[in-house]
Amino acid sequence: MSQSMLPPEPVDDLLGDFFKSQMPKPWPAAPRTAEPSGLVIRRPAASNRARYTLAASVAILLGTCWYFSNGSHRADRGKPSSPSAPGILDQGTAKTPPEFKKPKEPMLD
């Protein structure tokens, strides 16, 4: 990726100088925090119910995606199983319905 160098804008320089002048010169030290206590906080033992729920929801999500992407159908579903069974286009005998045909325009003489 190439970047074109644009000349600096005077407004950018003015704003940069202003905000740099507003920063404290000697940066203040970080605030001290309380000393850590010797107590250890123990969490209650987590059950595996949440993990099983997550695993089940992911399995359902993947299963429905696979099902709707025609993963459960045969690969040769367009081929008729017997010579008398209709195929997808039925040997190319499809015709335009009469409702969609344009009426012929009258000839003007």
PDB file of N, CA and C in Angstrom:
ATOM      1  N   MET A   1       0.850  -1.168   0.000  1.00  0.00           N
ATOM      2  CA  MET A   1       0.000   0.000   0.000  1.00  0.00           C
ATOM      3  C   MET A   1       0.895   1.230   0.000  1.00  0.00           C
ATOM      4  N   SER A   2       0.649   2.129  -0.910  1.00  0.00           N
ATOM      5  CA  SER A   2       1.467   3.335  -0.995  1.00  0.00           C
ATOM      6  C   SER A   2       0.714   4.499  -0.360  1.00  0.00           C
ATOM      7  N   GLN A   3       1.453   5.309   0.337  1.00  0.00           N
ATOM      8  CA  GLN A   3       0.867   6.485   0.957  1.00  0.00           C
ATOM      9  C   GLN A   3       1.456   7.721   0.291  1.00  0.00           C
ATOM     10  N   SER A   4       0.584   8.624  -0.094  1.00  0.00           N
ATOM     11  CA  SER A   4       1.067   9.851  -0.703  1.00  0.00           C
ATOM     12  C   SER A   4       1.332  10.859   0.415  1.00  0.00           C
ATOM     13  N   MET A   5       2.421  11.560   0.305  1.00  0.00           N
ATOM     14  CA  MET A   5       2.784  12.549   1.307  1.00  0.00           C
ATOM     15  C   MET A   5       2.104  13.867   0.958  1.00  0.00           C
ATOM     16  N   LEU A   6       1.246  14.319   1.850  1.00  0.00           N
ATOM     17  CA  LEU A   6       0.566  15.587   1.665  1.00  0.00           C
ATOM     18  C   LEU A   6       1.276  16.642   2.497  1.00  0.00           C
ATOM     19  N   PRO A   7       1.277  17.889   2.044  1.00  0.00           N
ATOM     20  CA  PRO A   7       1.906  18.939   2.846  1.00  0.00           C
ATOM     21  C   PRO A   7       1.118  19.139   4.140  1.00  0.00           C
ATOM     22  N   PRO A   8       1.807  19.429   5.241  1.00  0.00           N
ATOM     23  CA  PRO A   8       1.099  19.607   6.515  1.00  0.00           C
ATOM     24  C   PRO A   8       0.202  20.835   6.476  1.00  0.00           C
ATOM     25  N   GLU A   9      -0.930  20.707   7.085  1.00  0.00           N
ATOM     26  CA  GLU A   9      -1.885  21.806   7.151  1.00  0.00           C
ATOM     27  C   GLU A   9      -1.497  22.730   8.311  1.00  0.00           C
ATOM     28  N   PRO A  10      -1.650  24.040   8.161  1.00  0.00           N
ATOM     29  CA  PRO A  10      -1.304  24.949   9.253  1.00  0.00           C
ATOM     30  C   PRO A  10      -2.215  24.757  10.472  1.00  0.00           C
ATOM     31  N   VAL A  11      -3.463  24.366  10.245  1.00  0.00           N
ATOM     32  CA  VAL A  11      -4.376  24.165  11.370  1.00  0.00           C
ATOM     33  C   VAL A  11      -3.906  22.975  12.201  1.00  0.00           C
ATOM     34  N   ASP A  12      -3.419  21.916  11.547  1.00  0.00           N
ATOM     35  CA  ASP A  12      -2.910  20.753  12.273  1.00  0.00           C
ATOM     36  C   ASP A  12      -1.724  21.134  13.144  1.00  0.00           C
ATOM     37  N   ASP A  13      -0.839  21.936  12.603  1.00  0.00           N
ATOM     38  CA  ASP A  13       0.329  22.361  13.373  1.00  0.00           C
ATOM     39  C   ASP A  13      -0.084  23.212  14.568  1.00  0.00           C
ATOM     40  N   LEU A  14      -1.038  24.132  14.366  1.00  0.00           N
ATOM     41  CA  LEU A  14      -1.494  24.984  15.459  1.00  0.00           C
ATOM     42  C   LEU A  14      -2.174  24.167  16.562  1.00  0.00           C
ATOM     43  N   LEU A  15      -3.035  23.237  16.167  1.00  0.00           N
ATOM     44  CA  LEU A  15      -3.715  22.422  17.170  1.00  0.00           C
ATOM     45  C   LEU A  15      -2.730  21.507  17.896  1.00  0.00           C
ATOM     46  N   GLY A  16      -1.772  20.951  17.176  1.00  0.00           N
ATOM     47  CA  GLY A  16      -0.778  20.100  17.816  1.00  0.00           C
ATOM     48  C   GLY A  16       0.051  20.859  18.822  1.00  0.00           C
ATOM     49  N   ASP A  17       0.476  22.088  18.467  1.00  0.00           N
ATOM     50  CA  ASP A  17       1.251  22.912  19.408  1.00  0.00           C
ATOM     51  C   ASP A  17       0.423  23.281  20.640  1.00  0.00           C
ATOM     52  N   PHE A  18      -0.874  23.576  20.431  1.00  0.00           N
ATOM     53  CA  PHE A  18      -1.724  23.943  21.557  1.00  0.00           C
ATOM     54  C   PHE A  18      -1.868  22.786  22.532  1.00  0.00           C
ATOM     55  N   PHE A  19      -2.200  21.601  22.024  1.00  0.00           N
ATOM     56  CA  PHE A  19      -2.429  20.470  22.920  1.00  0.00           C
ATOM     57  C   PHE A  19      -1.135  20.005  23.586  1.00  0.00           C
ATOM     58  N   LYS A  20      -0.009  20.138  22.914  1.00  0.00           N
ATOM     59  CA  LYS A  20       1.265  19.786  23.546  1.00  0.00           C
ATOM     60  C   LYS A  20       1.597  20.776  24.662  1.00  0.00           C
ATOM     61  N   SER A  21       1.194  22.046  24.498  1.00  0.00           N
ATOM     62  CA  SER A  21       1.474  23.025  25.552  1.00  0.00           C
ATOM     63  C   SER A  21       0.575  22.807  26.772  1.00  0.00           C
ATOM     64  N   GLN A  22      -0.567  22.176  26.601  1.00  0.00           N
ATOM     65  CA  GLN A  22      -1.479  21.916  27.704  1.00  0.00           C
ATOM     66  C   GLN A  22      -1.077  20.699  28.536  1.00  0.00           C
ATOM     67  N   MET A  23      -0.170  19.880  28.041  1.00  0.00           N
ATOM     68  CA  MET A  23       0.281  18.704  28.776  1.00  0.00           C
ATOM     69  C   MET A  23       1.211  19.150  29.896  1.00  0.00           C
ATOM     70  N   PRO A  24       1.164  18.495  31.059  1.00  0.00           N
ATOM     71  CA  PRO A  24       2.075  18.873  32.153  1.00  0.00           C
ATOM     72  C   PRO A  24       3.511  18.548  31.770  1.00  0.00           C
ATOM     73  N   LYS A  25       4.418  19.444  32.120  1.00  0.00           N
ATOM     74  CA  LYS A  25       5.820  19.273  31.726  1.00  0.00           C
ATOM     75  C   LYS A  25       6.472  18.093  32.446  1.00  0.00           C
ATOM     76  N   PRO A  26       6.552  18.120  33.757  1.00  0.00           N
ATOM     77  CA  PRO A  26       6.997  16.873  34.385  1.00  0.00           C
ATOM     78  C   PRO A  26       5.760  16.005  34.601  1.00  0.00           C
ATOM     79  N   TRP A  27       5.719  14.884  33.948  1.00  0.00           N
ATOM     80  CA  TRP A  27       4.534  14.028  34.021  1.00  0.00           C
ATOM     81  C   TRP A  27       4.377  13.523  35.448  1.00  0.00           C
ATOM     82  N   PRO A  28       3.166  13.601  36.023  1.00  0.00           N
ATOM     83  CA  PRO A  28       3.003  13.175  37.422  1.00  0.00           C
ATOM     84  C   PRO A  28       3.214  11.662  37.557  1.00  0.00           C
ATOM     85  N   ALA A  29       3.679  11.282  38.741  1.00  0.00           N
ATOM     86  CA  ALA A  29       3.903   9.862  39.004  1.00  0.00           C
ATOM     87  C   ALA A  29       2.568   9.144  39.124  1.00  0.00           C
ATOM     88  N   ALA A  30       2.598   7.882  38.880  1.00  0.00           N
ATOM     89  CA  ALA A  30       1.384   7.078  38.981  1.00  0.00           C
ATOM     90  C   ALA A  30       0.941   7.003  40.433  1.00  0.00           C
ATOM     91  N   PRO A  31      -0.366   6.998  40.685  1.00  0.00           N
ATOM     92  CA  PRO A  31      -0.828   6.921  42.073  1.00  0.00           C
ATOM     93  C   PRO A  31      -0.497   5.557  42.678  1.00  0.00           C
ATOM     94  N   ARG A  32      -0.203   5.586  43.961  1.00  0.00           N
ATOM     95  CA  ARG A  32       0.135   4.339  44.646  1.00  0.00           C
ATOM     96  C   ARG A  32      -1.158   3.591  44.956  1.00  0.00           C
ATOM     97  N   THR A  33      -1.087   2.312  44.820  1.00  0.00           N
ATOM     98  CA  THR A  33      -2.246   1.486  45.124  1.00  0.00           C
ATOM     99  C   THR A  33      -2.046   0.811  46.465  1.00  0.00           C
ATOM    100  N   ALA A  34      -3.096   0.266  46.985  1.00  0.00           N
ATOM    101  CA  ALA A  34      -3.025  -0.426  48.270  1.00  0.00           C
ATOM    102  C   ALA A  34      -2.199  -1.695  48.103  1.00  0.00           C
ATOM    103  N   GLU A  35      -1.536  -2.075  49.161  1.00  0.00           N
ATOM    104  CA  GLU A  35      -0.729  -3.288  49.117  1.00  0.00           C
ATOM    105  C   GLU A  35      -1.646  -4.498  48.968  1.00  0.00           C
ATOM    106  N   PRO A  36      -1.228  -5.477  48.211  1.00  0.00           N
ATOM    107  CA  PRO A  36      -2.076  -6.664  48.050  1.00  0.00           C
ATOM    108  C   PRO A  36      -2.161  -7.440  49.361  1.00  0.00           C
ATOM    109  N   SER A  37      -3.332  -7.961  49.602  1.00  0.00           N
ATOM    110  CA  SER A  37      -3.519  -8.719  50.839  1.00  0.00           C
ATOM    111  C   SER A  37      -3.056 -10.155  50.635  1.00  0.00           C
ATOM    112  N   GLY A  38      -2.861 -10.854  51.712  1.00  0.00           N
ATOM    113  CA  GLY A  38      -2.415 -12.229  51.644  1.00  0.00           C
ATOM    114  C   GLY A  38      -3.553 -13.202  51.378  1.00  0.00           C
ATOM    115  N   LEU A  39      -4.788 -12.705  51.366  1.00  0.00           N
ATOM    116  CA  LEU A  39      -5.926 -13.582  51.135  1.00  0.00           C
ATOM    117  C   LEU A  39      -6.039 -13.929  49.663  1.00  0.00           C
ATOM    118  N   VAL A  40      -6.389 -15.148  49.415  1.00  0.00           N
ATOM    119  CA  VAL A  40      -6.599 -15.598  48.038  1.00  0.00           C
ATOM    120  C   VAL A  40      -8.091 -15.771  47.836  1.00  0.00           C
ATOM    121  N   ILE A  41      -8.593 -15.163  46.790  1.00  0.00           N
ATOM    122  CA  ILE A  41     -10.021 -15.278  46.491  1.00  0.00           C
ATOM    123  C   ILE A  41     -10.216 -16.556  45.681  1.00  0.00           C
ATOM    124  N   ARG A  42     -11.072 -17.416  46.188  1.00  0.00           N
ATOM    125  CA  ARG A  42     -11.340 -18.664  45.484  1.00  0.00           C
ATOM    126  C   ARG A  42     -12.705 -18.560  44.823  1.00  0.00           C
ATOM    127  N   ARG A  43     -12.728 -18.951  43.581  1.00  0.00           N
ATOM    128  CA  ARG A  43     -13.997 -18.996  42.881  1.00  0.00           C
ATOM    129  C   ARG A  43     -14.662 -20.331  43.156  1.00  0.00           C
ATOM    130  N   PRO A  44     -15.972 -20.334  43.172  1.00  0.00           N
ATOM    131  CA  PRO A  44     -16.643 -21.617  43.349  1.00  0.00           C
ATOM    132  C   PRO A  44     -16.374 -22.507  42.135  1.00  0.00           C
ATOM    133  N   ALA A  45     -16.377 -23.788  42.364  1.00  0.00           N
ATOM    134  CA  ALA A  45     -16.109 -24.726  41.280  1.00  0.00           C
ATOM    135  C   ALA A  45     -17.175 -24.574  40.205  1.00  0.00           C
ATOM    136  N   ALA A  46     -16.737 -24.305  39.000  1.00  0.00           N
ATOM    137  CA  ALA A  46     -17.669 -24.119  37.893  1.00  0.00           C
ATOM    138  C   ALA A  46     -18.136 -25.475  37.398  1.00  0.00           C
ATOM    139  N   SER A  47     -19.416 -25.564  37.145  1.00  0.00           N
ATOM    140  CA  SER A  47     -19.932 -26.816  36.610  1.00  0.00           C
ATOM    141  C   SER A  47     -19.690 -26.848  35.107  1.00  0.00           C
ATOM    142  N   ASN A  48     -19.781 -28.002  34.548  1.00  0.00           N
ATOM    143  CA  ASN A  48     -19.574 -28.150  33.116  1.00  0.00           C
ATOM    144  C   ASN A  48     -20.843 -27.863  32.331  1.00  0.00           C
ATOM    145  N   ARG A  49     -21.892 -27.431  33.012  1.00  0.00           N
ATOM    146  CA  ARG A  49     -23.160 -27.171  32.334  1.00  0.00           C
ATOM    147  C   ARG A  49     -23.021 -26.075  31.278  1.00  0.00           C
ATOM    148  N   ALA A  50     -22.276 -25.027  31.591  1.00  0.00           N
ATOM    149  CA  ALA A  50     -22.100 -23.941  30.625  1.00  0.00           C
ATOM    150  C   ALA A  50     -21.335 -24.425  29.403  1.00  0.00           C
ATOM    151  N   ARG A  51     -20.337 -25.260  29.618  1.00  0.00           N
ATOM    152  CA  ARG A  51     -19.570 -25.781  28.483  1.00  0.00           C
ATOM    153  C   ARG A  51     -20.421 -26.685  27.616  1.00  0.00           C
ATOM    154  N   TYR A  52     -21.248 -27.521  28.245  1.00  0.00           N
ATOM    155  CA  TYR A  52     -22.119 -28.404  27.464  1.00  0.00           C
ATOM    156  C   TYR A  52     -23.162 -27.596  26.693  1.00  0.00           C
ATOM    157  N   THR A  53     -23.660 -26.542  27.296  1.00  0.00           N
ATOM    158  CA  THR A  53     -24.626 -25.687  26.601  1.00  0.00           C
ATOM    159  C   THR A  53     -23.986 -25.010  25.399  1.00  0.00           C
ATOM    160  N   LEU A  54     -22.769 -24.515  25.567  1.00  0.00           N
ATOM    161  CA  LEU A  54     -22.068 -23.888  24.456  1.00  0.00           C
ATOM    162  C   LEU A  54     -21.789 -24.900  23.353  1.00  0.00           C
ATOM    163  N   ALA A  55     -21.356 -26.098  23.721  1.00  0.00           N
ATOM    164  CA  ALA A  55     -21.072 -27.121  22.716  1.00  0.00           C
ATOM    165  C   ALA A  55     -22.338 -27.524  21.968  1.00  0.00           C
ATOM    166  N   ALA A  56     -23.458 -27.638  22.681  1.00  0.00           N
ATOM    167  CA  ALA A  56     -24.714 -28.003  22.034  1.00  0.00           C
ATOM    168  C   ALA A  56     -25.187 -26.908  21.087  1.00  0.00           C
ATOM    169  N   SER A  57     -25.060 -25.645  21.487  1.00  0.00           N
ATOM    170  CA  SER A  57     -25.511 -24.554  20.614  1.00  0.00           C
ATOM    171  C   SER A  57     -24.641 -24.449  19.365  1.00  0.00           C
ATOM    172  N   VAL A  58     -23.339 -24.687  19.497  1.00  0.00           N
ATOM    173  CA  VAL A  58     -22.466 -24.667  18.319  1.00  0.00           C
ATOM    174  C   VAL A  58     -22.805 -25.830  17.405  1.00  0.00           C
ATOM    175  N   ALA A  59     -23.093 -27.010  17.975  1.00  0.00           N
ATOM    176  CA  ALA A  59     -23.453 -28.168  17.164  1.00  0.00           C
ATOM    177  C   ALA A  59     -24.764 -27.925  16.424  1.00  0.00           C
ATOM    178  N   ILE A  60     -25.739 -27.306  17.093  1.00  0.00           N
ATOM    179  CA  ILE A  60     -27.015 -27.001  16.438  1.00  0.00           C
ATOM    180  C   ILE A  60     -26.812 -25.984  15.327  1.00  0.00           C
ATOM    181  N   LEU A  61     -26.003 -24.973  15.571  1.00  0.00           N
ATOM    182  CA  LEU A  61     -25.732 -23.959  14.554  1.00  0.00           C
ATOM    183  C   LEU A  61     -25.067 -24.575  13.330  1.00  0.00           C
ATOM    184  N   LEU A  62     -24.050 -25.380  13.539  1.00  0.00           N
ATOM    185  CA  LEU A  62     -23.374 -26.013  12.408  1.00  0.00           C
ATOM    186  C   LEU A  62     -24.283 -27.001  11.699  1.00  0.00           C
ATOM    187  N   GLY A  63     -25.094 -27.718  12.457  1.00  0.00           N
ATOM    188  CA  GLY A  63     -26.012 -28.675  11.842  1.00  0.00           C
ATOM    189  C   GLY A  63     -27.054 -28.010  10.971  1.00  0.00           C
ATOM    190  N   THR A  64     -27.623 -26.894  11.444  1.00  0.00           N
ATOM    191  CA  THR A  64     -28.622 -26.206  10.624  1.00  0.00           C
ATOM    192  C   THR A  64     -27.985 -25.567   9.395  1.00  0.00           C
ATOM    193  N   CYS A  65     -26.769 -25.050   9.521  1.00  0.00           N
ATOM    194  CA  CYS A  65     -26.087 -24.499   8.335  1.00  0.00           C
ATOM    195  C   CYS A  65     -25.829 -25.601   7.312  1.00  0.00           C
ATOM    196  N   TRP A  66     -25.425 -26.773   7.786  1.00  0.00           N
ATOM    197  CA  TRP A  66     -25.157 -27.889   6.887  1.00  0.00           C
ATOM    198  C   TRP A  66     -26.455 -28.366   6.240  1.00  0.00           C
ATOM    199  N   TYR A  67     -27.539 -28.412   7.019  1.00  0.00           N
ATOM    200  CA  TYR A  67     -28.814 -28.874   6.490  1.00  0.00           C
ATOM    201  C   TYR A  67     -29.336 -27.911   5.424  1.00  0.00           C
ATOM    202  N   PHE A  68     -29.282 -26.626   5.683  1.00  0.00           N
ATOM    203  CA  PHE A  68     -29.812 -25.659   4.727  1.00  0.00           C
ATOM    204  C   PHE A  68     -28.900 -25.437   3.529  1.00  0.00           C
ATOM    205  N   SER A  69     -27.687 -25.903   3.590  1.00  0.00           N
ATOM    206  CA  SER A  69     -26.817 -25.801   2.414  1.00  0.00           C
ATOM    207  C   SER A  69     -26.903 -27.063   1.566  1.00  0.00           C
ATOM    208  N   ASN A  70     -27.982 -27.821   1.737  1.00  0.00           N
ATOM    209  CA  ASN A  70     -28.255 -29.049   0.982  1.00  0.00           C
ATOM    210  C   ASN A  70     -27.198 -30.109   1.232  1.00  0.00           C
ATOM    211  N   GLY A  71     -26.626 -30.127   2.391  1.00  0.00           N
ATOM    212  CA  GLY A  71     -25.634 -31.126   2.708  1.00  0.00           C
ATOM    213  C   GLY A  71     -26.232 -32.488   2.973  1.00  0.00           C
ATOM    214  N   SER A  72     -27.529 -32.553   3.284  1.00  0.00           N
ATOM    215  CA  SER A  72     -28.118 -33.843   3.608  1.00  0.00           C
ATOM    216  C   SER A  72     -28.772 -34.506   2.412  1.00  0.00           C
ATOM    217  N   HIS A  73     -28.759 -33.868   1.244  1.00  0.00           N
ATOM    218  CA  HIS A  73     -29.392 -34.437   0.060  1.00  0.00           C
ATOM    219  C   HIS A  73     -28.374 -35.194  -0.773  1.00  0.00           C
ATOM    220  N   ARG A  74     -28.887 -36.044  -1.637  1.00  0.00           N
ATOM    221  CA  ARG A  74     -28.014 -36.786  -2.532  1.00  0.00           C
ATOM    222  C   ARG A  74     -27.372 -35.832  -3.534  1.00  0.00           C
ATOM    223  N   ALA A  75     -26.211 -36.192  -4.018  1.00  0.00           N
ATOM    224  CA  ALA A  75     -25.518 -35.349  -4.991  1.00  0.00           C
ATOM    225  C   ALA A  75     -26.177 -35.431  -6.357  1.00  0.00           C
ATOM    226  N   ASP A  76     -26.858 -36.545  -6.667  1.00  0.00           N
ATOM    227  CA  ASP A  76     -27.458 -36.721  -7.998  1.00  0.00           C
ATOM    228  C   ASP A  76     -28.972 -36.535  -7.933  1.00  0.00           C
ATOM    229  N   ARG A  77     -29.447 -35.528  -7.206  1.00  0.00           N
ATOM    230  CA  ARG A  77     -30.881 -35.351  -7.049  1.00  0.00           C
ATOM    231  C   ARG A  77     -31.557 -34.871  -8.328  1.00  0.00           C
ATOM    232  N   GLY A  78     -30.823 -34.303  -9.274  1.00  0.00           N
ATOM    233  CA  GLY A  78     -31.426 -33.822 -10.513  1.00  0.00           C
ATOM    234  C   GLY A  78     -31.652 -34.927 -11.517  1.00  0.00           C
ATOM    235  N   LYS A  79     -31.011 -36.060 -11.318  1.00  0.00           N
ATOM    236  CA  LYS A  79     -31.165 -37.162 -12.251  1.00  0.00           C
ATOM    237  C   LYS A  79     -32.386 -37.984 -11.860  1.00  0.00           C
ATOM    238  N   PRO A  80     -33.219 -38.325 -12.820  1.00  0.00           N
ATOM    239  CA  PRO A  80     -34.377 -39.143 -12.483  1.00  0.00           C
ATOM    240  C   PRO A  80     -33.943 -40.554 -12.093  1.00  0.00           C
ATOM    241  N   SER A  81     -34.672 -41.134 -11.130  1.00  0.00           N
ATOM    242  CA  SER A  81     -34.325 -42.477 -10.693  1.00  0.00           C
ATOM    243  C   SER A  81     -34.818 -43.519 -11.680  1.00  0.00           C
ATOM    244  N   SER A  82     -35.828 -43.192 -12.463  1.00  0.00           N
ATOM    245  CA  SER A  82     -36.307 -44.110 -13.499  1.00  0.00           C
ATOM    246  C   SER A  82     -36.600 -43.296 -14.749  1.00  0.00           C
ATOM    247  N   PRO A  83     -36.695 -43.954 -15.915  1.00  0.00           N
ATOM    248  CA  PRO A  83     -36.947 -43.188 -17.148  1.00  0.00           C
ATOM    249  C   PRO A  83     -38.278 -42.450 -17.150  1.00  0.00           C
ATOM    250  N   SER A  84     -39.262 -42.902 -16.376  1.00  0.00           N
ATOM    251  CA  SER A  84     -40.560 -42.236 -16.394  1.00  0.00           C
ATOM    252  C   SER A  84     -40.653 -41.099 -15.374  1.00  0.00           C
ATOM    253  N   ALA A  85     -39.691 -41.006 -14.454  1.00  0.00           N
ATOM    254  CA  ALA A  85     -39.739 -39.959 -13.436  1.00  0.00           C
ATOM    255  C   ALA A  85     -39.333 -38.620 -14.050  1.00  0.00           C
ATOM    256  N   PRO A  86     -40.037 -37.543 -13.694  1.00  0.00           N
ATOM    257  CA  PRO A  86     -39.690 -36.236 -14.272  1.00  0.00           C
ATOM    258  C   PRO A  86     -38.382 -35.706 -13.672  1.00  0.00           C
ATOM    259  N   GLY A  87     -37.603 -35.049 -14.512  1.00  0.00           N
ATOM    260  CA  GLY A  87     -36.373 -34.426 -14.054  1.00  0.00           C
ATOM    261  C   GLY A  87     -36.631 -32.986 -13.675  1.00  0.00           C
ATOM    262  N   ILE A  88     -35.574 -32.213 -13.562  1.00  0.00           N
ATOM    263  CA  ILE A  88     -35.741 -30.819 -13.181  1.00  0.00           C
ATOM    264  C   ILE A  88     -36.432 -30.037 -14.295  1.00  0.00           C
ATOM    265  N   LEU A  89     -35.981 -30.190 -15.545  1.00  0.00           N
ATOM    266  CA  LEU A  89     -36.586 -29.465 -16.661  1.00  0.00           C
ATOM    267  C   LEU A  89     -37.450 -30.355 -17.542  1.00  0.00           C
ATOM    268  N   ASP A  90     -37.565 -31.626 -17.183  1.00  0.00           N
ATOM    269  CA  ASP A  90     -38.422 -32.551 -17.908  1.00  0.00           C
ATOM    270  C   ASP A  90     -38.087 -32.545 -19.402  1.00  0.00           C
ATOM    271  N   GLN A  91     -36.868 -32.798 -19.722  1.00  0.00           N
ATOM    272  CA  GLN A  91     -36.379 -32.900 -21.108  1.00  0.00           C
ATOM    273  C   GLN A  91     -36.603 -31.622 -21.910  1.00  0.00           C
ATOM    274  N   GLY A  92     -36.636 -30.488 -21.303  1.00  0.00           N
ATOM    275  CA  GLY A  92     -36.718 -29.211 -22.004  1.00  0.00           C
ATOM    276  C   GLY A  92     -38.069 -28.926 -22.614  1.00  0.00           C
ATOM    277  N   THR A  93     -39.159 -29.353 -21.996  1.00  0.00           N
ATOM    278  CA  THR A  93     -40.481 -29.112 -22.564  1.00  0.00           C
ATOM    279  C   THR A  93     -41.182 -27.926 -21.915  1.00  0.00           C
ATOM    280  N   ALA A  94     -40.470 -27.104 -21.202  1.00  0.00           N
ATOM    281  CA  ALA A  94     -41.097 -25.954 -20.552  1.00  0.00           C
ATOM    282  C   ALA A  94     -41.502 -24.924 -21.585  1.00  0.00           C
ATOM    283  N   LYS A  95     -42.679 -24.319 -21.387  1.00  0.00           N
ATOM    284  CA  LYS A  95     -43.189 -23.304 -22.311  1.00  0.00           C
ATOM    285  C   LYS A  95     -43.623 -22.083 -21.523  1.00  0.00           C
ATOM    286  N   THR A  96     -43.674 -20.937 -22.181  1.00  0.00           N
ATOM    287  CA  THR A  96     -44.098 -19.703 -21.541  1.00  0.00           C
ATOM    288  C   THR A  96     -45.606 -19.746 -21.318  1.00  0.00           C
ATOM    289  N   PRO A  97     -46.068 -19.440 -20.106  1.00  0.00           N
ATOM    290  CA  PRO A  97     -47.517 -19.413 -19.854  1.00  0.00           C
ATOM    291  C   PRO A  97     -48.176 -18.335 -20.709  1.00  0.00           C
ATOM    292  N   PRO A  98     -49.423 -18.549 -21.077  1.00  0.00           N
ATOM    293  CA  PRO A  98     -50.096 -17.560 -21.934  1.00  0.00           C
ATOM    294  C   PRO A  98     -50.271 -16.204 -21.261  1.00  0.00           C
ATOM    295  N   GLU A  99     -50.262 -16.162 -19.918  1.00  0.00           N
ATOM    296  CA  GLU A  99     -50.433 -14.878 -19.234  1.00  0.00           C
ATOM    297  C   GLU A  99     -49.245 -13.954 -19.457  1.00  0.00           C
ATOM    298  N   PHE A 100     -48.077 -14.532 -19.747  1.00  0.00           N
ATOM    299  CA  PHE A 100     -46.874 -13.723 -19.906  1.00  0.00           C
ATOM    300  C   PHE A 100     -46.570 -13.377 -21.358  1.00  0.00           C
ATOM    301  N   LYS A 101     -47.329 -13.865 -22.266  1.00  0.00           N
ATOM    302  CA  LYS A 101     -47.089 -13.566 -23.678  1.00  0.00           C
ATOM    303  C   LYS A 101     -47.636 -12.180 -23.990  1.00  0.00           C
ATOM    304  N   LYS A 102     -46.884 -11.413 -24.784  1.00  0.00           N
ATOM    305  CA  LYS A 102     -47.313 -10.072 -25.161  1.00  0.00           C
ATOM    306  C   LYS A 102     -48.366 -10.174 -26.260  1.00  0.00           C
ATOM    307  N   PRO A 103     -49.382  -9.318 -26.190  1.00  0.00           N
ATOM    308  CA  PRO A 103     -50.349  -9.326 -27.301  1.00  0.00           C
ATOM    309  C   PRO A 103     -49.716  -8.699 -28.536  1.00  0.00           C
ATOM    310  N   LYS A 104     -50.115  -9.190 -29.667  1.00  0.00           N
ATOM    311  CA  LYS A 104     -49.571  -8.653 -30.915  1.00  0.00           C
ATOM    312  C   LYS A 104     -50.142  -7.259 -31.144  1.00  0.00           C
ATOM    313  N   GLU A 105     -49.248  -6.369 -31.565  1.00  0.00           N
ATOM    314  CA  GLU A 105     -49.685  -5.003 -31.825  1.00  0.00           C
ATOM    315  C   GLU A 105     -50.388  -4.951 -33.177  1.00  0.00           C
ATOM    316  N   PRO A 106     -51.453  -4.161 -33.268  1.00  0.00           N
ATOM    317  CA  PRO A 106     -52.153  -4.072 -34.563  1.00  0.00           C
ATOM    318  C   PRO A 106     -51.278  -3.329 -35.579  1.00  0.00           C
ATOM    319  N   MET A 107     -51.404  -3.729 -36.791  1.00  0.00           N
ATOM    320  CA  MET A 107     -50.645  -3.088 -37.875  1.00  0.00           C
ATOM    321  C   MET A 107     -51.348  -1.811 -38.295  1.00  0.00           C
ATOM    322  N   LEU A 108     -50.609  -0.755 -38.394  1.00  0.00           N
ATOM    323  CA  LEU A 108     -51.177   0.522 -38.810  1.00  0.00           C
ATOM    324  C   LEU A 108     -50.899   0.728 -40.277  1.00  0.00           C
ATOM    325  N   ASP A 109     -51.964   1.051 -41.039  1.00  0.00           N
ATOM    326  CA  ASP A 109     -51.776   1.326 -42.468  1.00  0.00           C
ATOM    327  C   ASP A 109     -52.068   2.749 -42.786  1.00  0.00           C
TER     328      ASP A 109
END
